[in-house]
Protein backbone atom coordinates (compact mmCIF):
# COMPACT_ATOMS: atom_id res chain seq x y z
CA ILE A 1 102.79 99.82 111.97
CA ARG A 2 100.63 100.45 115.33
CA VAL A 3 100.23 103.84 117.33
CA LYS A 4 98.39 104.92 120.08
CA PRO A 5 95.66 108.34 120.11
CA GLY A 6 97.92 110.95 121.09
CA GLU A 7 101.37 109.92 119.98
CA LYS A 8 103.43 111.24 117.05
CA LEU A 9 104.38 108.80 114.70
CA ARG A 10 107.71 109.62 112.89
CA ILE A 11 108.83 107.76 109.82
CA ILE A 12 112.00 108.19 107.87
CA LEU A 13 111.22 107.11 104.51
CA GLU A 14 114.70 106.53 102.30
CA ASN A 15 113.97 105.86 98.35
CA ASP A 16 116.74 103.39 97.32
CA LEU A 17 115.63 103.29 93.91
CA GLY A 18 117.41 104.40 91.10
CA GLU A 19 117.55 107.14 88.77
CA GLY A 20 114.42 107.96 86.60
CA PRO A 21 112.21 110.44 85.12
CA GLY A 22 109.81 112.66 87.07
CA TYR A 23 107.12 114.96 85.75
CA GLU A 24 109.12 115.82 82.70
CA GLY A 25 108.24 112.39 81.48
CA CYS A 26 104.42 113.33 81.74
CA ASP A 27 102.82 114.41 78.62
CA MET A 28 99.72 116.22 80.08
CA LYS A 29 98.28 117.81 77.16
CA ASN A 30 95.16 114.71 76.96
CA SER A 31 94.97 114.29 81.02
CA ASN A 32 91.13 114.89 81.31
CA LEU A 33 90.75 111.30 78.91
CA GLY A 34 92.76 109.07 81.96
CA PHE A 35 95.38 106.78 81.86
CA PHE A 36 93.34 104.26 79.59
CA LEU A 37 93.36 106.38 76.80
CA ASN A 38 96.31 108.05 77.54
CA PRO A 39 98.99 106.57 79.55
CA ASP A 40 101.27 109.52 78.76
CA THR A 41 99.84 110.39 82.40
CA ILE A 42 101.64 107.45 83.86
CA CYS A 43 105.32 108.87 84.64
CA ALA A 44 108.15 109.64 88.10
CA LEU A 45 107.68 105.78 89.00
CA ASN A 46 111.11 106.33 91.09
CA HIS A 47 110.17 109.43 92.43
CA THR A 48 107.71 108.75 95.75
CA ASN A 49 106.36 109.68 99.13
CA LEU A 50 104.03 108.70 101.88
CA HIS A 51 100.79 109.03 103.06
CA VAL A 52 98.76 107.41 106.05
CA HIS A 53 95.38 106.71 103.93
CA GLY A 54 92.38 106.99 107.04
CA LEU A 55 94.36 108.89 109.77
CA HIS A 56 92.45 112.72 110.84
CA VAL A 57 95.60 114.19 110.72
CA SER A 58 97.32 117.50 109.21
CA GLY A 59 98.61 116.82 105.90
CA GLN A 60 100.94 120.23 105.99
CA GLY A 61 104.56 120.27 106.32
CA HIS A 62 106.36 116.98 107.56
CA GLY A 63 102.75 115.57 108.43
CA ASP A 64 100.75 113.47 106.26
CA ASN A 65 101.33 115.77 103.38
CA ILE A 66 100.94 113.93 99.83
CA LEU A 67 102.57 116.82 97.97
CA ARG A 68 106.01 116.09 99.58
CA HIS A 69 108.79 114.60 97.13
CA VAL A 70 111.19 111.94 97.70
CA GLY A 71 113.49 111.81 95.33
CA PRO A 72 115.76 108.42 94.07
CA GLY A 73 118.83 108.74 96.19
CA GLN A 74 116.57 111.33 98.83
CA LYS A 75 115.59 110.46 102.55
CA LYS A 76 112.85 112.28 104.39
CA ILE A 77 111.64 112.60 107.77
CA TYR A 78 107.33 112.57 108.36
CA ASP A 79 106.11 113.54 111.93
CA ILE A 80 102.99 112.38 112.12
CA GLU A 81 100.68 113.77 115.33
CA LEU A 82 97.52 111.99 116.26
CA PRO A 83 95.30 114.22 118.43
CA ALA A 84 94.24 112.71 121.53
CA ASN A 85 90.64 112.12 120.81
CA HIS A 86 91.78 110.30 117.78
CA MET A 87 89.52 106.60 117.37
CA GLY A 88 90.68 103.30 117.32
CA GLY A 89 90.88 102.07 113.78
CA THR A 90 92.26 99.65 111.07
CA HIS A 91 94.41 101.97 108.37
CA TRP A 92 97.07 101.72 105.67
CA TYR A 93 100.02 103.63 104.61
CA HIS A 94 101.13 103.63 100.80
CA PRO A 95 102.98 106.34 98.68
CA HIS A 96 100.67 109.39 97.10
CA PHE A 97 103.38 110.33 94.40
CA HIS A 98 101.10 111.98 91.74
CA HIS A 99 100.76 110.12 88.61
CA ALA A 100 102.60 107.15 89.99
CA THR A 101 100.71 105.93 92.78
CA ALA A 102 98.55 103.12 90.94
CA ALA A 103 102.12 101.38 90.04
CA GLN A 104 103.93 102.10 93.27
CA ALA A 105 100.83 101.16 95.57
CA GLY A 106 99.20 98.84 93.43
CA GLY A 107 102.68 96.74 93.31
CA GLY A 108 102.43 95.67 96.59
CA ALA A 109 104.65 99.45 98.73
CA HIS A 110 101.93 99.15 101.18
CA GLY A 111 101.36 98.11 104.69
CA ALA A 112 98.74 98.08 107.91
CA LEU A 113 98.74 101.05 110.25
CA ILE A 114 96.78 100.05 113.31
CA VAL A 115 95.54 102.70 116.17
CA ASP A 116 95.16 101.04 119.24
CA ASP A 117 91.79 101.42 121.27
CA PRO A 118 92.49 103.30 124.38
CA LYS A 119 91.74 100.62 127.20
CA ASN A 120 88.09 100.32 128.51
CA SER A 121 86.93 102.39 125.28
CA LEU A 122 85.07 98.89 123.87
CA PRO A 123 82.71 96.56 125.19
CA LYS A 124 84.39 94.19 127.09
CA TYR A 125 84.03 91.42 124.58
CA VAL A 126 85.36 92.96 121.76
CA GLU A 127 88.39 94.20 123.33
CA ASP A 128 89.34 90.21 124.65
CA MET A 129 88.72 88.83 121.21
CA PRO A 130 92.02 87.88 119.68
CA GLU A 131 93.17 89.59 116.90
CA LYS A 132 94.19 88.52 113.38
CA LEU A 133 95.14 90.89 110.59
CA LEU A 134 94.57 90.15 107.09
CA PHE A 135 96.86 92.60 104.89
CA LEU A 136 94.79 91.16 101.42
CA SER A 137 97.25 92.53 98.14
CA LEU A 138 96.17 91.85 94.67
CA VAL A 139 99.36 91.54 92.36
CA ASN A 140 98.26 92.00 89.14
CA VAL A 141 101.49 91.77 86.86
CA ALA A 142 99.85 92.28 83.80
CA LYS A 143 98.95 95.45 85.07
CA ALA A 144 102.15 96.47 86.84
CA MET A 145 104.37 95.51 83.71
CA ARG A 146 101.66 97.68 81.41
CA LEU A 147 101.89 100.53 83.83
CA GLU A 148 106.09 100.12 83.91
CA ALA A 149 105.99 100.46 80.37
CA TRP A 150 103.52 103.14 80.00
CA SER A 151 106.01 105.21 82.25
CA LEU A 152 108.62 105.26 80.32
CA GLY A 153 107.20 106.26 76.69
CA THR A 154 104.88 108.87 75.30
CA LEU A 155 102.02 107.96 72.42
CA SER A 156 103.72 111.07 71.04
CA LYS A 157 107.08 109.00 71.31
CA GLY A 158 106.06 105.88 69.53
CA ASP A 159 109.95 105.03 68.53
CA VAL A 160 110.92 105.18 72.34
CA ALA A 161 111.89 101.43 72.76
CA GLU A 162 110.08 101.64 75.94
CA GLN A 163 106.45 102.60 74.68
CA VAL A 164 107.16 100.00 71.66
CA MET A 165 107.22 97.00 74.70
CA TRP A 166 104.26 97.40 75.59
CA ARG A 167 102.91 96.15 72.38
CA ASN A 168 105.12 93.30 72.07
CA PRO A 169 103.60 89.98 72.60
CA ALA A 170 105.21 89.07 75.50
CA TYR A 171 102.91 92.13 77.20
CA PRO A 172 99.23 91.27 77.29
CA GLU A 173 97.03 92.47 74.92
CA TRP A 174 93.75 94.72 75.35
CA LYS A 175 90.64 92.66 74.44
CA TRP A 176 87.37 94.13 74.04
CA ASN A 177 84.67 92.13 76.37
CA PRO A 178 81.31 92.69 74.56
CA VAL A 179 79.20 91.25 77.16
CA MET A 180 80.78 93.42 80.08
CA GLY A 181 81.34 96.12 77.97
CA THR A 182 84.80 96.64 79.12
CA LEU A 183 88.79 95.94 78.26
CA GLN A 184 89.90 93.04 79.32
CA GLU A 185 93.59 94.15 80.55
CA HIS A 186 95.25 90.31 80.29
CA GLY A 187 94.08 90.00 76.72
CA SER A 188 94.63 85.88 75.88
CA ALA A 189 97.42 85.85 78.44
CA LEU A 190 95.94 83.95 81.00
CA SER A 191 94.44 81.37 78.28
CA GLU A 192 98.17 81.12 77.11
CA GLY A 193 99.90 80.44 80.38
CA LEU A 194 102.17 83.35 80.12
CA GLY A 195 102.50 83.54 83.89
CA LEU A 196 100.48 86.52 84.65
CA ASP A 197 97.55 85.80 86.24
CA PRO A 198 96.60 87.98 89.15
CA HIS A 199 97.84 86.47 92.49
CA LEU A 200 95.79 87.60 95.91
CA VAL A 201 98.78 87.25 98.78
CA VAL A 202 97.69 87.76 102.43
CA ASN A 203 100.67 89.60 104.83
CA GLY A 204 102.69 88.70 101.68
CA MET A 205 101.99 84.79 101.33
CA TYR A 206 100.12 83.01 99.19
CA LYS A 207 97.43 81.03 100.34
CA PRO A 208 98.66 80.45 103.91
CA GLN A 209 96.75 78.98 106.97
CA VAL A 210 95.06 80.72 110.10
CA ASN A 211 94.32 78.47 112.83
CA MET A 212 91.10 79.28 114.85
CA GLU A 213 89.38 77.66 117.90
CA GLU A 214 85.81 76.45 117.76
CA GLY A 215 83.11 78.65 119.09
CA ARG A 216 85.14 81.67 120.06
CA TRP A 217 84.96 85.31 118.54
CA TYR A 218 87.74 86.63 116.62
CA ARG A 219 88.49 90.41 115.45
CA TRP A 220 89.69 90.21 111.86
CA ARG A 221 91.31 93.07 110.99
CA MET A 222 91.09 93.37 106.75
CA VAL A 223 92.64 95.63 104.53
CA PHE A 224 92.58 95.32 101.03
CA ALA A 225 94.67 96.93 98.43
CA ALA A 226 94.90 96.86 94.73
CA VAL A 227 94.52 98.93 91.52
CA GLU A 228 91.06 98.70 89.93
CA GLN A 229 89.94 95.51 90.98
CA ARG A 230 87.74 93.86 94.19
CA VAL A 231 87.99 90.80 96.04
CA GLU A 232 85.14 88.82 97.22
CA ILE A 233 85.15 86.93 101.01
CA HIS A 234 83.23 83.92 101.50
CA GLN A 235 83.52 80.51 102.84
CA VAL A 236 84.05 77.29 100.75
CA GLU A 237 80.89 75.20 100.88
CA ASP A 238 82.14 72.42 99.22
CA HIS A 239 85.45 71.63 101.05
CA PRO A 240 85.15 68.62 103.29
CA ASN A 241 86.20 70.08 106.69
CA GLN A 242 83.90 73.03 106.28
CA ALA A 243 83.33 74.92 109.60
CA ASN A 244 80.36 76.90 109.71
CA CYS A 245 81.69 80.63 110.75
CA GLN A 246 79.61 83.88 111.11
CA PHE A 247 80.57 86.89 110.43
CA GLN A 248 80.21 90.52 111.47
CA LEU A 249 80.91 93.85 110.13
CA LEU A 250 82.36 95.18 113.16
CA ALA A 251 83.81 98.84 112.04
CA LYS A 252 84.90 99.94 108.02
CA ASP A 253 87.53 102.41 106.85
CA GLY A 254 88.22 103.24 110.42
CA ILE A 255 84.85 103.66 111.87
CA TYR A 256 83.09 101.39 114.27
CA LEU A 257 79.34 100.72 113.36
């Protein structure tokens, strides 16, 4: 999505997901523990809304209101007005329905939202750079499976089939890493080849190729979406045709440096 300062962005959000429990599926009595220790707080995965992450706009009414509810089969309109003095920059949009955000946004429901720079607002050499959009999505299959299973059962209802499901051997087990002092959500699933490896996709593609011309600066608009994970960008030094590229950070979170 691209928009200019001073414009109104109208988005029609239609929820085509099937019927599913809402907040009545949550058990919040131990919500202070967080979902790692109390998965009962994960619920309402078929209910959603929209958030324009990074824009300086109204969060009221039909604007960037993260408290709006778009239930299964519903359709709602978002009217988001950008002020005329809004800075240009790289942002993103994703669902923000509480207790379902991680599963939805981390599962791939997201995209880039670019606020175009007003003409002559940037140095000429930046304005003339060819632009490449790289939306990096870390698809963590094991986490997505676990969040889905958690959303359908609670610890207080251990006989619920879906709650038993995530304890099934087909699902990865938690394993404690004594070196890092953390829980490894994949357990031994990776070494056992269960097909649950996390994958990084770029603009929805796996290992795409981007062609660039030597000796020329490019503007890379990069967005990264994941659930509690990170990605590092670096050159592959041992590649036989490795180019010697330079990187400079132009902006971060929509703010020029």
